[in-house]
């Protein structure tokens, strides 16, 4: 039987500190299934890269000196980029974390974390999962504001179980193993959660869950 080919993940690294970029680039390139498509220091350069080069995932610095990395999200979607974006940061506030999730960030990764954890994060978001440090899960869970226009709809026990698994960062397969059901069944329940909460991505679902349903989690 032929071995299944390893998927190569094309990565765009966006950070305004050249020394940090170079060091991280070397770490990423040491992974057999990672390929660094490009590295740059501004939103303008990043938009040019996603428009002209193969990019599967973007590692985006939150603070790019004279601009915020959040500027990238809307313009990148307009440019046709639909891949996951992981925000790299030394730390953001809970309000900023909520804003990043609302903009569609697939992950918030703390820069002081280990390189092996970053590799795990990249693979997670490439599989459609989200990456959120426990510090932000706790902070968002205690947020006092509730998003406007999102009606509370009763969730079934199975939907609660899947939602809790997502908040723990589990993949669909891992949630299925815990609940003793198939991965396709988990995907079906996830679609039900999307419909009930009015969202389209896992990161948006996490934000709504932590704000709207925090008392039930």
Protein backbone atom coordinates (compact mmCIF):
# COMPACT_ATOMS: atom_id res chain seq x y z
CA UNK A 1 0.00 0.00 0.00
CA UNK A 2 1.37 3.42 -0.92
CA UNK A 3 1.97 5.80 1.94
CA UNK A 4 -0.27 8.84 1.94
CA UNK A 5 1.58 11.96 0.77
CA UNK A 6 2.24 14.55 3.45
CA UNK A 7 0.38 17.80 2.88
CA UNK A 8 2.64 20.83 2.59
CA UNK A 9 1.38 23.90 4.43
CA UNK A 10 2.35 27.16 2.72
CA UNK A 11 2.89 29.82 5.38
CA UNK A 12 3.01 33.61 5.15
CA UNK A 13 4.75 35.28 8.10
CA UNK A 14 3.88 38.91 8.80
CA UNK A 15 5.88 40.71 11.52
CA UNK A 16 7.59 44.10 11.58
CA UNK A 17 10.63 42.85 13.52
CA UNK A 18 13.09 41.38 11.02
CA UNK A 19 15.13 39.53 13.65
CA UNK A 20 12.03 37.79 15.03
CA UNK A 21 10.88 36.94 11.49
CA UNK A 22 14.22 35.38 10.57
CA UNK A 23 14.34 33.27 13.71
CA UNK A 24 10.77 32.06 13.35
CA UNK A 25 11.28 31.41 9.63
CA UNK A 26 14.16 29.04 10.40
CA UNK A 27 12.04 27.20 12.96
CA UNK A 28 9.13 26.82 10.55
CA UNK A 29 11.33 25.60 7.72
CA UNK A 30 12.71 22.87 9.98
CA UNK A 31 9.28 21.18 9.85
CA UNK A 32 9.03 18.76 6.92
CA UNK A 33 5.42 19.65 6.11
CA UNK A 34 5.84 23.44 6.35
CA UNK A 35 6.95 25.75 3.53
CA UNK A 36 7.54 29.45 4.09
CA UNK A 37 5.95 31.14 1.10
CA UNK A 38 7.10 34.60 2.15
CA UNK A 39 7.81 36.87 5.08
CA UNK A 40 7.01 40.56 5.26
CA UNK A 41 6.57 43.45 7.68
CA UNK A 42 3.37 45.27 6.72
CA UNK A 43 -0.28 44.70 5.82
CA UNK A 44 0.32 46.10 2.32
CA UNK A 45 3.10 43.58 1.65
CA UNK A 46 1.00 40.76 3.12
CA UNK A 47 -1.94 41.58 0.83
CA UNK A 48 0.39 41.49 -2.17
CA UNK A 49 1.65 38.07 -1.10
CA UNK A 50 -1.78 36.44 -0.64
CA UNK A 51 -2.81 37.83 -4.02
CA UNK A 52 0.18 36.49 -5.95
CA UNK A 53 1.58 33.49 -4.07
CA UNK A 54 0.28 30.18 -2.71
CA UNK A 55 -0.63 30.81 0.94
CA UNK A 56 -2.52 28.34 3.13
CA UNK A 57 -2.17 30.05 6.51
CA UNK A 58 -1.06 33.49 7.68
CA UNK A 59 0.88 34.11 10.90
CA UNK A 60 0.06 37.76 11.60
CA UNK A 61 1.67 39.96 14.21
CA UNK A 62 -0.94 41.95 16.13
CA UNK A 63 1.24 45.06 16.51
CA UNK A 64 2.98 45.98 13.27
CA UNK A 65 4.61 49.17 14.50
CA UNK A 66 2.67 51.96 12.81
CA UNK A 67 -0.40 49.80 12.16
CA UNK A 68 -2.44 47.02 13.69
CA UNK A 69 -2.56 43.59 12.11
CA UNK A 70 -6.36 43.74 12.31
CA UNK A 71 -6.31 45.85 9.14
CA UNK A 72 -5.37 42.70 7.24
CA UNK A 73 -8.59 40.76 7.81
CA UNK A 74 -11.18 42.68 5.81
CA UNK A 75 -8.82 43.56 2.96
CA UNK A 76 -7.54 39.97 2.70
CA UNK A 77 -11.09 38.62 2.37
CA UNK A 78 -11.79 41.21 -0.33
CA UNK A 79 -8.64 40.03 -2.10
CA UNK A 80 -10.02 36.48 -2.10
CA UNK A 81 -7.96 34.94 0.68
CA UNK A 82 -10.08 32.52 2.71
CA UNK A 83 -7.43 30.61 4.67
CA UNK A 84 -6.93 30.70 8.45
CA UNK A 85 -5.13 33.59 10.11
CA UNK A 86 -3.28 33.06 13.40
CA UNK A 87 -2.54 36.26 15.31
CA UNK A 88 0.88 36.31 17.02
CA UNK A 89 1.06 38.55 20.05
CA UNK A 90 2.91 39.24 23.26
CA UNK A 91 -0.55 39.74 24.74
CA UNK A 92 -3.86 41.41 23.93
CA UNK A 93 -6.75 42.47 26.13
CA UNK A 94 -9.96 40.45 26.38
CA UNK A 95 -11.73 43.14 24.35
CA UNK A 96 -9.08 42.90 21.63
CA UNK A 97 -9.33 39.08 21.70
CA UNK A 98 -13.09 39.30 21.16
CA UNK A 99 -12.52 41.70 18.27
CA UNK A 100 -9.98 39.37 16.66
CA UNK A 101 -12.40 36.43 16.84
CA UNK A 102 -15.18 38.59 15.43
CA UNK A 103 -12.95 39.52 12.49
CA UNK A 104 -12.37 35.84 11.78
CA UNK A 105 -9.05 35.01 13.45
CA UNK A 106 -8.57 31.23 13.61
CA UNK A 107 -6.17 31.51 16.50
CA UNK A 108 -4.47 33.81 19.01
CA UNK A 109 -0.96 32.58 19.79
CA UNK A 110 1.24 34.03 22.52
CA UNK A 111 4.79 34.72 21.35
CA UNK A 112 6.41 33.41 24.52
CA UNK A 113 4.98 29.93 23.85
CA UNK A 114 7.20 27.11 22.57
CA UNK A 115 7.95 26.50 18.87
CA UNK A 116 6.46 23.00 19.12
CA UNK A 117 3.22 24.54 20.34
CA UNK A 118 3.17 26.87 17.33
CA UNK A 119 3.57 23.89 14.99
CA UNK A 120 0.63 22.22 16.72
CA UNK A 121 -1.38 25.43 16.43
CA UNK A 122 -0.75 25.67 12.67
CA UNK A 123 -1.80 22.08 12.09
CA UNK A 124 -4.92 22.60 14.22
CA UNK A 125 -6.16 25.61 12.29
CA UNK A 126 -5.35 23.92 8.98
CA UNK A 127 -7.72 21.14 10.06
CA UNK A 128 -10.47 23.69 10.62
CA UNK A 129 -10.00 23.95 14.38
CA UNK A 130 -9.36 27.08 16.44
CA UNK A 131 -6.47 27.90 18.75
CA UNK A 132 -7.13 29.99 21.81
CA UNK A 133 -4.88 30.19 24.84
CA UNK A 134 -6.58 29.23 28.12
CA UNK A 135 -5.91 32.74 29.41
CA UNK A 136 -8.28 34.14 26.79
CA UNK A 137 -10.89 31.44 27.26
CA UNK A 138 -11.06 32.35 30.95
CA UNK A 139 -11.11 36.06 30.22
CA UNK A 140 -13.81 35.85 27.57
CA UNK A 141 -15.91 33.59 29.77
CA UNK A 142 -16.08 36.36 32.37
CA UNK A 143 -16.83 39.12 29.88
CA UNK A 144 -19.84 41.18 30.80
CA UNK A 145 -21.05 42.28 27.39
CA UNK A 146 -23.43 40.24 25.28
CA UNK A 147 -23.48 40.59 21.46
CA UNK A 148 -26.51 42.35 20.09
CA UNK A 149 -28.85 40.59 17.71
CA UNK A 150 -27.88 37.04 18.70
CA UNK A 151 -31.00 35.34 20.09
CA UNK A 152 -30.62 32.67 22.76
CA UNK A 153 -31.81 29.36 21.38
CA UNK A 154 -32.06 26.23 23.46
CA UNK A 155 -29.29 23.74 22.72
CA UNK A 156 -29.64 20.00 23.05
CA UNK A 157 -27.41 18.07 25.46
CA UNK A 158 -25.47 16.69 22.48
CA UNK A 159 -24.90 20.20 21.14
CA UNK A 160 -23.63 21.31 24.57
CA UNK A 161 -21.23 18.36 24.61
CA UNK A 162 -19.84 19.24 21.16
CA UNK A 163 -19.61 22.92 22.07
CA UNK A 164 -17.62 22.13 25.22
CA UNK A 165 -15.28 19.96 23.17
CA UNK A 166 -14.70 22.83 20.73
CA UNK A 167 -13.91 25.19 23.61
CA UNK A 168 -11.32 22.68 24.84
CA UNK A 169 -9.67 22.81 21.41
CA UNK A 170 -10.57 19.24 20.45
CA UNK A 171 -10.77 18.19 16.80
CA UNK A 172 -13.99 16.71 15.44
CA UNK A 173 -12.47 13.22 15.55
CA UNK A 174 -11.48 13.68 19.21
CA UNK A 175 -14.95 14.95 20.10
CA UNK A 176 -16.48 11.95 18.32
CA UNK A 177 -14.26 9.57 20.29
CA UNK A 178 -15.30 11.19 23.55
CA UNK A 179 -19.00 11.06 22.67
CA UNK A 180 -18.73 7.63 21.02
CA UNK A 181 -20.12 8.83 17.72
CA UNK A 182 -18.72 9.27 14.21
CA UNK A 183 -16.76 12.29 13.02
CA UNK A 184 -19.49 12.99 10.44
CA UNK A 185 -22.06 13.08 13.25
CA UNK A 186 -19.97 15.71 15.04
CA UNK A 187 -19.77 17.74 11.83
CA UNK A 188 -23.56 17.58 11.55
CA UNK A 189 -24.00 18.82 15.11
CA UNK A 190 -21.48 21.58 14.44
CA UNK A 191 -23.57 22.75 11.48
CA UNK A 192 -26.61 22.81 13.77
CA UNK A 193 -24.67 25.00 16.19
CA UNK A 194 -23.70 27.34 13.35
CA UNK A 195 -27.36 27.63 12.36
CA UNK A 196 -28.65 28.21 15.88
CA UNK A 197 -26.05 30.84 16.75
CA UNK A 198 -26.01 32.54 13.35
CA UNK A 199 -22.27 32.15 12.75
CA UNK A 200 -20.19 30.62 9.98
CA UNK A 201 -16.82 29.77 11.56
CA UNK A 202 -15.54 27.96 14.64
CA UNK A 203 -13.83 31.12 15.93
CA UNK A 204 -17.12 33.04 15.74
CA UNK A 205 -18.85 30.14 17.49
CA UNK A 206 -16.33 30.27 20.34
CA UNK A 207 -16.86 34.01 20.75
CA UNK A 208 -20.65 33.63 20.85
CA UNK A 209 -20.44 30.65 23.20
CA UNK A 210 -18.22 32.43 25.70
CA UNK A 211 -20.30 35.59 25.66
CA UNK A 212 -23.87 34.40 25.11
CA UNK A 213 -23.82 31.01 26.82
CA UNK A 214 -21.11 31.51 29.45
CA UNK A 215 -23.47 30.76 32.35
CA UNK A 216 -24.36 27.36 30.87
CA UNK A 217 -20.81 26.17 30.08
